[in-house]
């Protein structure tokens, strides 16, 4: 791999390796912080179709992110199971999708 293209390919492979290693290190560990709320939101989206959890006050939990995130998590959990593994697969798929679009964008931008 020579030149600028080789640099970006190497960078994408390194990013994929680091992302995969971080994802793999979390498999089997309990959910923490925002993951707990995001998993609850995905379960609610899967059951009701609405990305809203009312906590009894005037606020709604989980709506500080676009609802698309919760819908995608709900679909992935429906395919891979509703456990922690099924929830965390969406992060891996998001990382791989982002790397794919980064590679495609780089390919177009670096076209001679």
C-alpha atoms as a PDB file:
ATOM      1  CA  UNK A   1       0.000   0.000   0.000  1.00  0.00           C
ATOM      2  CA  UNK A   2       1.631   3.148  -1.176  1.00  0.00           C
ATOM      3  CA  UNK A   3       0.622   6.758  -1.267  1.00  0.00           C
ATOM      4  CA  UNK A   4      -2.424   8.411   0.180  1.00  0.00           C
ATOM      5  CA  UNK A   5      -4.772   5.520  -0.572  1.00  0.00           C
ATOM      6  CA  UNK A   6      -2.580   3.116   1.345  1.00  0.00           C
ATOM      7  CA  UNK A   7      -2.533   5.481   4.304  1.00  0.00           C
ATOM      8  CA  UNK A   8      -6.344   5.648   4.478  1.00  0.00           C
ATOM      9  CA  UNK A   9      -6.737   1.893   4.043  1.00  0.00           C
ATOM     10  CA  UNK A  10      -4.272   1.293   6.861  1.00  0.00           C
ATOM     11  CA  UNK A  11      -6.047   3.839   9.040  1.00  0.00           C
ATOM     12  CA  UNK A  12      -9.436   2.186   8.382  1.00  0.00           C
ATOM     13  CA  UNK A  13      -8.039  -1.257   9.238  1.00  0.00           C
ATOM     14  CA  UNK A  14      -6.525   0.049  12.466  1.00  0.00           C
ATOM     15  CA  UNK A  15      -9.811   1.764  13.409  1.00  0.00           C
ATOM     16  CA  UNK A  16     -11.756  -1.427  12.670  1.00  0.00           C
ATOM     17  CA  UNK A  17      -9.334  -3.448  14.773  1.00  0.00           C
ATOM     18  CA  UNK A  18      -9.524  -1.084  17.730  1.00  0.00           C
ATOM     19  CA  UNK A  19     -13.319  -0.863  17.487  1.00  0.00           C
ATOM     20  CA  UNK A  20     -13.659  -4.633  17.295  1.00  0.00           C
ATOM     21  CA  UNK A  21     -11.306  -5.135  20.238  1.00  0.00           C
ATOM     22  CA  UNK A  22     -13.216  -2.629  22.377  1.00  0.00           C
ATOM     23  CA  UNK A  23     -16.535  -4.221  21.423  1.00  0.00           C
ATOM     24  CA  UNK A  24     -15.228  -7.704  22.167  1.00  0.00           C
ATOM     25  CA  UNK A  25     -13.870  -6.605  25.548  1.00  0.00           C
ATOM     26  CA  UNK A  26     -17.376  -5.584  26.648  1.00  0.00           C
ATOM     27  CA  UNK A  27     -19.128  -8.832  25.710  1.00  0.00           C
ATOM     28  CA  UNK A  28     -20.219 -10.638  28.843  1.00  0.00           C
ATOM     29  CA  UNK A  29     -19.884  -7.571  31.061  1.00  0.00           C
ATOM     30  CA  UNK A  30     -22.954  -5.898  32.562  1.00  0.00           C
ATOM     31  CA  UNK A  31     -24.477  -2.848  30.912  1.00  0.00           C
ATOM     32  CA  UNK A  32     -23.507   0.493  32.407  1.00  0.00           C
ATOM     33  CA  UNK A  33     -24.477   4.167  32.317  1.00  0.00           C
ATOM     34  CA  UNK A  34     -26.393   5.121  29.158  1.00  0.00           C
ATOM     35  CA  UNK A  35     -26.479   1.545  27.873  1.00  0.00           C
ATOM     36  CA  UNK A  36     -29.068   0.694  30.509  1.00  0.00           C
ATOM     37  CA  UNK A  37     -31.391   3.474  29.371  1.00  0.00           C
ATOM     38  CA  UNK A  38     -30.801   2.787  25.663  1.00  0.00           C
ATOM     39  CA  UNK A  39     -31.641  -0.895  26.105  1.00  0.00           C
ATOM     40  CA  UNK A  40     -34.836   0.046  27.952  1.00  0.00           C
ATOM     41  CA  UNK A  41     -35.729   2.474  25.158  1.00  0.00           C
ATOM     42  CA  UNK A  42     -35.141  -0.211  22.529  1.00  0.00           C
ATOM     43  CA  UNK A  43     -37.400  -2.617  24.427  1.00  0.00           C
ATOM     44  CA  UNK A  44     -40.127   0.038  24.668  1.00  0.00           C
ATOM     45  CA  UNK A  45     -39.803   0.821  20.934  1.00  0.00           C
ATOM     46  CA  UNK A  46     -40.089  -2.859  20.118  1.00  0.00           C
ATOM     47  CA  UNK A  47     -43.174  -3.323  22.301  1.00  0.00           C
ATOM     48  CA  UNK A  48     -45.094  -0.083  21.745  1.00  0.00           C
ATOM     49  CA  UNK A  49     -43.550   1.480  18.653  1.00  0.00           C
ATOM     50  CA  UNK A  50     -42.988   4.741  20.550  1.00  0.00           C
ATOM     51  CA  UNK A  51     -39.558   5.859  21.812  1.00  0.00           C
ATOM     52  CA  UNK A  52     -40.860   7.309  25.080  1.00  0.00           C
ATOM     53  CA  UNK A  53     -40.525   6.175  28.682  1.00  0.00           C
ATOM     54  CA  UNK A  54     -42.494   8.276  31.143  1.00  0.00           C
ATOM     55  CA  UNK A  55     -40.816   8.346  34.536  1.00  0.00           C
ATOM     56  CA  UNK A  56     -43.753   9.909  36.374  1.00  0.00           C
ATOM     57  CA  UNK A  57     -42.479  13.476  36.165  1.00  0.00           C
ATOM     58  CA  UNK A  58     -42.755  16.012  33.369  1.00  0.00           C
ATOM     59  CA  UNK A  59     -39.694  14.571  31.613  1.00  0.00           C
ATOM     60  CA  UNK A  60     -39.425  11.613  29.272  1.00  0.00           C
ATOM     61  CA  UNK A  61     -36.381   9.400  29.574  1.00  0.00           C
ATOM     62  CA  UNK A  62     -34.156   8.695  26.581  1.00  0.00           C
ATOM     63  CA  UNK A  63     -35.233  11.399  24.165  1.00  0.00           C
ATOM     64  CA  UNK A  64     -31.919  13.273  24.213  1.00  0.00           C
ATOM     65  CA  UNK A  65     -30.918  11.203  21.153  1.00  0.00           C
ATOM     66  CA  UNK A  66     -32.797  10.987  17.866  1.00  0.00           C
ATOM     67  CA  UNK A  67     -35.439   8.241  17.972  1.00  0.00           C
ATOM     68  CA  UNK A  68     -33.813   6.505  15.000  1.00  0.00           C
ATOM     69  CA  UNK A  69     -31.123   5.197  17.365  1.00  0.00           C
ATOM     70  CA  UNK A  70     -33.740   3.502  19.525  1.00  0.00           C
ATOM     71  CA  UNK A  71     -35.600   2.060  16.538  1.00  0.00           C
ATOM     72  CA  UNK A  72     -32.378   0.621  15.095  1.00  0.00           C
ATOM     73  CA  UNK A  73     -31.523  -0.901  18.485  1.00  0.00           C
ATOM     74  CA  UNK A  74     -35.039  -2.402  18.659  1.00  0.00           C
ATOM     75  CA  UNK A  75     -34.689  -4.016  15.215  1.00  0.00           C
ATOM     76  CA  UNK A  76     -31.227  -5.395  15.992  1.00  0.00           C
ATOM     77  CA  UNK A  77     -32.464  -6.756  19.340  1.00  0.00           C
ATOM     78  CA  UNK A  78     -35.387  -8.424  17.552  1.00  0.00           C
ATOM     79  CA  UNK A  79     -32.916 -10.182  15.244  1.00  0.00           C
ATOM     80  CA  UNK A  80     -30.112 -11.059  17.686  1.00  0.00           C
ATOM     81  CA  UNK A  81     -32.100 -11.475  20.900  1.00  0.00           C
ATOM     82  CA  UNK A  82     -33.081  -9.128  23.688  1.00  0.00           C
ATOM     83  CA  UNK A  83     -30.087  -9.823  25.889  1.00  0.00           C
ATOM     84  CA  UNK A  84     -26.999  -7.690  26.358  1.00  0.00           C
ATOM     85  CA  UNK A  85     -25.300  -9.311  23.350  1.00  0.00           C
ATOM     86  CA  UNK A  86     -28.195  -8.463  21.053  1.00  0.00           C
ATOM     87  CA  UNK A  87     -28.150  -4.884  22.265  1.00  0.00           C
ATOM     88  CA  UNK A  88     -24.406  -4.464  21.791  1.00  0.00           C
ATOM     89  CA  UNK A  89     -24.453  -5.862  18.250  1.00  0.00           C
ATOM     90  CA  UNK A  90     -25.997  -2.575  17.092  1.00  0.00           C
ATOM     91  CA  UNK A  91     -22.837  -0.736  18.179  1.00  0.00           C
ATOM     92  CA  UNK A  92     -20.683  -3.107  16.140  1.00  0.00           C
ATOM     93  CA  UNK A  93     -22.942  -2.775  13.107  1.00  0.00           C
ATOM     94  CA  UNK A  94     -22.886   1.022  13.463  1.00  0.00           C
ATOM     95  CA  UNK A  95     -19.091   1.041  13.600  1.00  0.00           C
ATOM     96  CA  UNK A  96     -18.778  -1.170  10.530  1.00  0.00           C
ATOM     97  CA  UNK A  97     -21.339   0.914   8.630  1.00  0.00           C
ATOM     98  CA  UNK A  98     -19.484   4.106   9.520  1.00  0.00           C
ATOM     99  CA  UNK A  99     -16.180   2.622   8.351  1.00  0.00           C
ATOM    100  CA  UNK A 100     -17.811   1.500   5.105  1.00  0.00           C
ATOM    101  CA  UNK A 101     -19.116   4.989   4.361  1.00  0.00           C
ATOM    102  CA  UNK A 102     -15.778   6.509   5.369  1.00  0.00           C
ATOM    103  CA  UNK A 103     -13.997   4.193   2.944  1.00  0.00           C
ATOM    104  CA  UNK A 104     -16.469   4.964   0.154  1.00  0.00           C
ATOM    105  CA  UNK A 105     -16.165   8.705   0.758  1.00  0.00           C
ATOM    106  CA  UNK A 106     -12.378   8.461   0.748  1.00  0.00           C
ATOM    107  CA  UNK A 107     -12.494   6.464  -2.437  1.00  0.00           C
ATOM    108  CA  UNK A 108     -14.561   9.141  -4.163  1.00  0.00           C
ATOM    109  CA  UNK A 109     -12.509  12.024  -2.756  1.00  0.00           C
ATOM    110  CA  UNK A 110      -9.190  10.436  -3.736  1.00  0.00           C
ATOM    111  CA  UNK A 111     -10.267   9.497  -7.244  1.00  0.00           C
ATOM    112  CA  UNK A 112      -7.681  10.693  -9.773  1.00  0.00           C
END
